[in-house]
Amino acid sequence: MIQPRMWKLASVSLLILCIAWSFAPKGKVNWVDINAADTLYLNSPRPILIDVYTDWCGWCKVMDKSTYKDKRVTDYINAHYYPIKFNAEFKKPVKFNHTIYKYDAENKVHELAIYLTHGQLEFPNTIFLTSVSSVPAPIAGYMKPSEIEAPLKYFGEKKEKLQSLSAFEQTLQRAW
């Protein structure tokens, strides 16, 4: 049986944690439209991050509410990337890197999602592109801020030309 004093202590601790979490600095990713990617990149080249999601994906929603609201993550993404959200079940054609991608009604998925994920339709799926014409580097699954830090910095700082992501992760001075 929990004693009243312990109950009060636990309640106060929980209350403090909830308050601290609600006042934690939150950020906002400045998502851009997929149709603008080619032009944006042409005018001012920088890496592209594409969050491939679906409306029914629970972990996609968790990533939106946690990882993509974390101020450290959002500040880094906004400073180093053209961030794009793309619904894998989007029904309209999309032009990306001079190619028109359409919705595949038979498989109920957009061709661009298939291309970006190399056919591994797992959601959420974070795609890193060093340019609009580079080979997509997808990372499937939910990532906490501490887990997305290495790939964000790896591609954001153009380290992919110098070493592998795993080698970069081993030397990264983690800040998140």
C-alpha atoms as a PDB file:
ATOM      1  CA  MET A   1       0.000   0.000   0.000  1.00  0.00           C
ATOM      2  CA  ILE A   2       1.285   3.456  -0.908  1.00  0.00           C
ATOM      3  CA  GLN A   3       1.544   5.765   2.050  1.00  0.00           C
ATOM      4  CA  PRO A   4      -0.092   9.217   1.763  1.00  0.00           C
ATOM      5  CA  ARG A   5       3.257  10.989   1.934  1.00  0.00           C
ATOM      6  CA  MET A   6       4.683   8.901  -0.947  1.00  0.00           C
ATOM      7  CA  TRP A   7       1.475   9.468  -2.933  1.00  0.00           C
ATOM      8  CA  LYS A   8       1.819  13.242  -2.554  1.00  0.00           C
ATOM      9  CA  LEU A   9       5.488  13.113  -3.526  1.00  0.00           C
ATOM     10  CA  ALA A  10       4.711  11.036  -6.619  1.00  0.00           C
ATOM     11  CA  SER A  11       1.843  13.368  -7.591  1.00  0.00           C
ATOM     12  CA  VAL A  12       3.968  16.498  -7.184  1.00  0.00           C
ATOM     13  CA  SER A  13       6.821  14.930  -9.177  1.00  0.00           C
ATOM     14  CA  LEU A  14       4.449  14.009 -11.997  1.00  0.00           C
ATOM     15  CA  LEU A  15       2.962  17.499 -11.997  1.00  0.00           C
ATOM     16  CA  ILE A  16       6.437  19.082 -12.218  1.00  0.00           C
ATOM     17  CA  LEU A  17       7.382  16.804 -15.129  1.00  0.00           C
ATOM     18  CA  CYS A  18       4.182  17.669 -17.013  1.00  0.00           C
ATOM     19  CA  ILE A  19       4.692  21.388 -16.501  1.00  0.00           C
ATOM     20  CA  ALA A  20       8.346  21.212 -17.545  1.00  0.00           C
ATOM     21  CA  TRP A  21       7.441  19.273 -20.695  1.00  0.00           C
ATOM     22  CA  SER A  22       4.703  21.718 -21.654  1.00  0.00           C
ATOM     23  CA  PHE A  23       7.091  24.675 -21.345  1.00  0.00           C
ATOM     24  CA  ALA A  24       9.989  23.024 -23.183  1.00  0.00           C
ATOM     25  CA  PRO A  25      11.034  25.132 -26.171  1.00  0.00           C
ATOM     26  CA  LYS A  26       9.116  24.008 -29.210  1.00  0.00           C
ATOM     27  CA  GLY A  27       9.958  24.668 -32.799  1.00  0.00           C
ATOM     28  CA  LYS A  28       8.249  24.476 -36.150  1.00  0.00           C
ATOM     29  CA  VAL A  29       9.655  23.026 -39.337  1.00  0.00           C
ATOM     30  CA  ASN A  30       9.112  25.341 -42.310  1.00  0.00           C
ATOM     31  CA  TRP A  31       7.829  22.633 -44.667  1.00  0.00           C
ATOM     32  CA  VAL A  32       7.880  23.491 -48.374  1.00  0.00           C
ATOM     33  CA  ASP A  33       5.730  22.070 -51.159  1.00  0.00           C
ATOM     34  CA  ILE A  34       7.207  19.143 -53.113  1.00  0.00           C
ATOM     35  CA  ASN A  35       6.453  20.960 -56.369  1.00  0.00           C
ATOM     36  CA  ALA A  36       8.782  23.793 -55.333  1.00  0.00           C
ATOM     37  CA  ALA A  37      11.799  21.566 -54.619  1.00  0.00           C
ATOM     38  CA  ASP A  38      13.337  21.727 -58.098  1.00  0.00           C
ATOM     39  CA  THR A  39      13.139  25.529 -58.261  1.00  0.00           C
ATOM     40  CA  LEU A  40      14.334  26.078 -54.708  1.00  0.00           C
ATOM     41  CA  TYR A  41      17.306  23.791 -55.227  1.00  0.00           C
ATOM     42  CA  LEU A  42      18.187  25.386 -58.564  1.00  0.00           C
ATOM     43  CA  ASN A  43      18.137  28.897 -57.047  1.00  0.00           C
ATOM     44  CA  SER A  44      20.020  28.018 -53.867  1.00  0.00           C
ATOM     45  CA  PRO A  45      21.324  24.444 -53.527  1.00  0.00           C
ATOM     46  CA  ARG A  46      21.019  22.724 -50.150  1.00  0.00           C
ATOM     47  CA  PRO A  47      20.120  19.196 -49.069  1.00  0.00           C
ATOM     48  CA  ILE A  48      16.499  18.074 -49.102  1.00  0.00           C
ATOM     49  CA  LEU A  49      14.730  16.209 -46.306  1.00  0.00           C
ATOM     50  CA  ILE A  50      11.459  14.503 -47.199  1.00  0.00           C
ATOM     51  CA  ASP A  51       9.171  13.135 -44.504  1.00  0.00           C
ATOM     52  CA  VAL A  52       7.168  10.407 -46.264  1.00  0.00           C
ATOM     53  CA  TYR A  53       4.077   9.623 -44.192  1.00  0.00           C
ATOM     54  CA  THR A  54       0.490   8.406 -44.380  1.00  0.00           C
ATOM     55  CA  ASP A  55      -2.605   9.714 -42.620  1.00  0.00           C
ATOM     56  CA  TRP A  56      -3.179   6.366 -40.881  1.00  0.00           C
ATOM     57  CA  CYS A  57       0.380   6.013 -39.541  1.00  0.00           C
ATOM     58  CA  GLY A  58       0.460   6.393 -35.753  1.00  0.00           C
ATOM     59  CA  TRP A  59       4.250   6.699 -35.504  1.00  0.00           C
ATOM     60  CA  CYS A  60       4.154   9.423 -38.180  1.00  0.00           C
ATOM     61  CA  LYS A  61       1.888  11.453 -35.896  1.00  0.00           C
ATOM     62  CA  VAL A  62       4.158  10.807 -32.896  1.00  0.00           C
ATOM     63  CA  MET A  63       7.189  11.980 -34.900  1.00  0.00           C
ATOM     64  CA  ASP A  64       5.288  15.134 -35.941  1.00  0.00           C
ATOM     65  CA  LYS A  65       4.348  15.913 -32.333  1.00  0.00           C
ATOM     66  CA  SER A  66       7.724  15.152 -30.782  1.00  0.00           C
ATOM     67  CA  THR A  67      10.736  15.067 -33.097  1.00  0.00           C
ATOM     68  CA  TYR A  68       9.491  17.687 -35.562  1.00  0.00           C
ATOM     69  CA  LYS A  69       8.539  20.011 -32.687  1.00  0.00           C
ATOM     70  CA  ASP A  70      11.888  19.755 -30.883  1.00  0.00           C
ATOM     71  CA  LYS A  71      13.529  23.190 -31.211  1.00  0.00           C
ATOM     72  CA  ARG A  72      17.025  21.758 -31.786  1.00  0.00           C
ATOM     73  CA  VAL A  73      15.736  19.575 -34.609  1.00  0.00           C
ATOM     74  CA  THR A  74      13.564  22.258 -36.210  1.00  0.00           C
ATOM     75  CA  ASP A  75      16.257  24.921 -36.040  1.00  0.00           C
ATOM     76  CA  TYR A  76      18.762  22.578 -37.689  1.00  0.00           C
ATOM     77  CA  ILE A  77      16.351  21.436 -40.407  1.00  0.00           C
ATOM     78  CA  ASN A  78      15.250  24.990 -41.217  1.00  0.00           C
ATOM     79  CA  ALA A  79      18.855  26.211 -41.436  1.00  0.00           C
ATOM     80  CA  HIS A  80      20.305  23.355 -43.514  1.00  0.00           C
ATOM     81  CA  TYR A  81      17.530  21.705 -45.548  1.00  0.00           C
ATOM     82  CA  TYR A  82      14.574  22.176 -47.798  1.00  0.00           C
ATOM     83  CA  PRO A  83      12.124  20.156 -45.696  1.00  0.00           C
ATOM     84  CA  ILE A  84       9.187  18.534 -47.481  1.00  0.00           C
ATOM     85  CA  LYS A  85       6.259  16.501 -46.140  1.00  0.00           C
ATOM     86  CA  PHE A  86       4.913  13.999 -48.634  1.00  0.00           C
ATOM     87  CA  ASN A  87       1.849  11.821 -48.136  1.00  0.00           C
ATOM     88  CA  ALA A  88       2.605   8.425 -49.702  1.00  0.00           C
ATOM     89  CA  GLU A  89      -1.078   8.174 -50.663  1.00  0.00           C
ATOM     90  CA  PHE A  90      -1.256  11.595 -52.381  1.00  0.00           C
ATOM     91  CA  LYS A  91      -3.548  11.285 -55.400  1.00  0.00           C
ATOM     92  CA  LYS A  92      -2.294  14.049 -57.718  1.00  0.00           C
ATOM     93  CA  PRO A  93       0.695  13.931 -60.094  1.00  0.00           C
ATOM     94  CA  VAL A  94       3.930  15.463 -58.825  1.00  0.00           C
ATOM     95  CA  LYS A  95       6.876  16.756 -60.823  1.00  0.00           C
ATOM     96  CA  PHE A  96      10.187  16.094 -59.108  1.00  0.00           C
ATOM     97  CA  ASN A  97      13.619  16.239 -60.747  1.00  0.00           C
ATOM     98  CA  HIS A  98      12.096  16.642 -64.219  1.00  0.00           C
ATOM     99  CA  THR A  99       9.999  13.482 -63.818  1.00  0.00           C
ATOM    100  CA  ILE A 100       6.235  13.237 -63.394  1.00  0.00           C
ATOM    101  CA  TYR A 101       5.177  10.767 -60.700  1.00  0.00           C
ATOM    102  CA  LYS A 102       1.547   9.653 -60.380  1.00  0.00           C
ATOM    103  CA  TYR A 103      -0.670   7.867 -57.942  1.00  0.00           C
ATOM    104  CA  ASP A 104      -0.686   4.103 -58.448  1.00  0.00           C
ATOM    105  CA  ALA A 105      -4.348   3.232 -57.808  1.00  0.00           C
ATOM    106  CA  GLU A 106      -3.733  -0.514 -58.017  1.00  0.00           C
ATOM    107  CA  ASN A 107      -1.186  -0.443 -55.178  1.00  0.00           C
ATOM    108  CA  LYS A 108      -2.793   2.574 -53.436  1.00  0.00           C
ATOM    109  CA  VAL A 109       0.480   4.468 -53.202  1.00  0.00           C
ATOM    110  CA  HIS A 110       2.172   7.326 -55.027  1.00  0.00           C
ATOM    111  CA  GLU A 111       4.986   6.453 -57.435  1.00  0.00           C
ATOM    112  CA  LEU A 112       7.169   9.130 -55.834  1.00  0.00           C
ATOM    113  CA  ALA A 113       6.905   7.360 -52.460  1.00  0.00           C
ATOM    114  CA  ILE A 114       8.008   4.126 -54.140  1.00  0.00           C
ATOM    115  CA  TYR A 115      10.967   5.900 -55.768  1.00  0.00           C
ATOM    116  CA  LEU A 116      12.065   7.749 -52.609  1.00  0.00           C
ATOM    117  CA  THR A 117      11.873   4.675 -50.353  1.00  0.00           C
ATOM    118  CA  HIS A 118      13.358   2.262 -52.914  1.00  0.00           C
ATOM    119  CA  GLY A 119      10.074   0.367 -52.651  1.00  0.00           C
ATOM    120  CA  GLN A 120      10.377  -0.147 -48.880  1.00  0.00           C
ATOM    121  CA  LEU A 121       7.041   1.403 -47.957  1.00  0.00           C
ATOM    122  CA  GLU A 122       7.494   1.725 -44.209  1.00  0.00           C
ATOM    123  CA  PHE A 123       6.250   4.817 -42.429  1.00  0.00           C
ATOM    124  CA  PRO A 124       7.394   7.230 -41.292  1.00  0.00           C
ATOM    125  CA  ASN A 125      10.276   7.249 -43.737  1.00  0.00           C
ATOM    126  CA  THR A 126      12.791  10.093 -43.646  1.00  0.00           C
ATOM    127  CA  ILE A 127      14.497  10.638 -46.978  1.00  0.00           C
ATOM    128  CA  PHE A 128      17.774  12.520 -47.315  1.00  0.00           C
ATOM    129  CA  LEU A 129      18.810  13.926 -50.699  1.00  0.00           C
ATOM    130  CA  THR A 130      22.023  15.876 -51.191  1.00  0.00           C
ATOM    131  CA  SER A 131      20.480  17.277 -54.404  1.00  0.00           C
ATOM    132  CA  VAL A 132      17.236  16.820 -56.342  1.00  0.00           C
ATOM    133  CA  SER A 133      19.044  14.392 -58.663  1.00  0.00           C
ATOM    134  CA  SER A 134      20.919  12.364 -56.037  1.00  0.00           C
ATOM    135  CA  VAL A 135      20.006   8.829 -55.043  1.00  0.00           C
ATOM    136  CA  PRO A 136      17.565   8.978 -52.109  1.00  0.00           C
ATOM    137  CA  ALA A 137      18.875   7.821 -48.726  1.00  0.00           C
ATOM    138  CA  PRO A 138      15.800   6.608 -46.812  1.00  0.00           C
ATOM    139  CA  ILE A 139      15.704   5.872 -43.096  1.00  0.00           C
ATOM    140  CA  ALA A 140      12.509   4.057 -42.176  1.00  0.00           C
ATOM    141  CA  GLY A 141      10.815   4.288 -38.806  1.00  0.00           C
ATOM    142  CA  TYR A 142      10.194   6.692 -35.977  1.00  0.00           C
ATOM    143  CA  MET A 143      13.250   8.627 -34.789  1.00  0.00           C
ATOM    144  CA  LYS A 144      13.606  10.570 -31.556  1.00  0.00           C
ATOM    145  CA  PRO A 145      15.585  13.835 -31.676  1.00  0.00           C
ATOM    146  CA  SER A 146      18.671  11.990 -30.395  1.00  0.00           C
ATOM    147  CA  GLU A 147      18.298   9.410 -33.193  1.00  0.00           C
ATOM    148  CA  ILE A 148      17.776  11.865 -36.057  1.00  0.00           C
ATOM    149  CA  GLU A 149      20.694  14.105 -35.004  1.00  0.00           C
ATOM    150  CA  ALA A 150      23.414  12.052 -36.730  1.00  0.00           C
ATOM    151  CA  PRO A 151      21.763  11.687 -40.157  1.00  0.00           C
ATOM    152  CA  LEU A 152      20.643  15.327 -40.105  1.00  0.00           C
ATOM    153  CA  LYS A 153      24.179  16.533 -39.454  1.00  0.00           C
ATOM    154  CA  TYR A 154      25.766  13.926 -41.738  1.00  0.00           C
ATOM    155  CA  PHE A 155      23.841  15.065 -44.813  1.00  0.00           C
ATOM    156  CA  GLY A 156      23.402  18.674 -43.661  1.00  0.00           C
ATOM    157  CA  GLU A 157      27.165  19.132 -43.343  1.00  0.00           C
ATOM    158  CA  LYS A 158      27.887  17.134 -46.526  1.00  0.00           C
ATOM    159  CA  LYS A 159      29.922  14.475 -44.724  1.00  0.00           C
ATOM    160  CA  GLU A 160      28.604  11.711 -47.022  1.00  0.00           C
ATOM    161  CA  LYS A 161      31.473  12.444 -49.426  1.00  0.00           C
ATOM    162  CA  LEU A 162      34.063  11.858 -46.693  1.00  0.00           C
ATOM    163  CA  GLN A 163      32.852   8.885 -44.656  1.00  0.00           C
ATOM    164  CA  SER A 164      30.006   6.471 -44.033  1.00  0.00           C
ATOM    165  CA  LEU A 165      27.104   7.410 -41.783  1.00  0.00           C
ATOM    166  CA  SER A 166      28.127   4.761 -39.231  1.00  0.00           C
ATOM    167  CA  ALA A 167      31.682   6.137 -39.072  1.00  0.00           C
ATOM    168  CA  PHE A 168      30.297   9.658 -38.712  1.00  0.00           C
ATOM    169  CA  GLU A 169      27.993   8.552 -35.872  1.00  0.00           C
ATOM    170  CA  GLN A 170      30.926   7.108 -33.938  1.00  0.00           C
ATOM    171  CA  THR A 171      32.773  10.421 -33.932  1.00  0.00           C
ATOM    172  CA  LEU A 172      29.775  12.752 -33.569  1.00  0.00           C
ATOM    173  CA  GLN A 173      29.749  14.909 -30.447  1.00  0.00           C
ATOM    174  CA  ARG A 174      26.062  14.449 -29.671  1.00  0.00           C
ATOM    175  CA  ALA A 175      24.256  17.567 -28.503  1.00  0.00           C
ATOM    176  CA  TRP A 176      20.662  16.386 -28.500  1.00  0.00           C
END
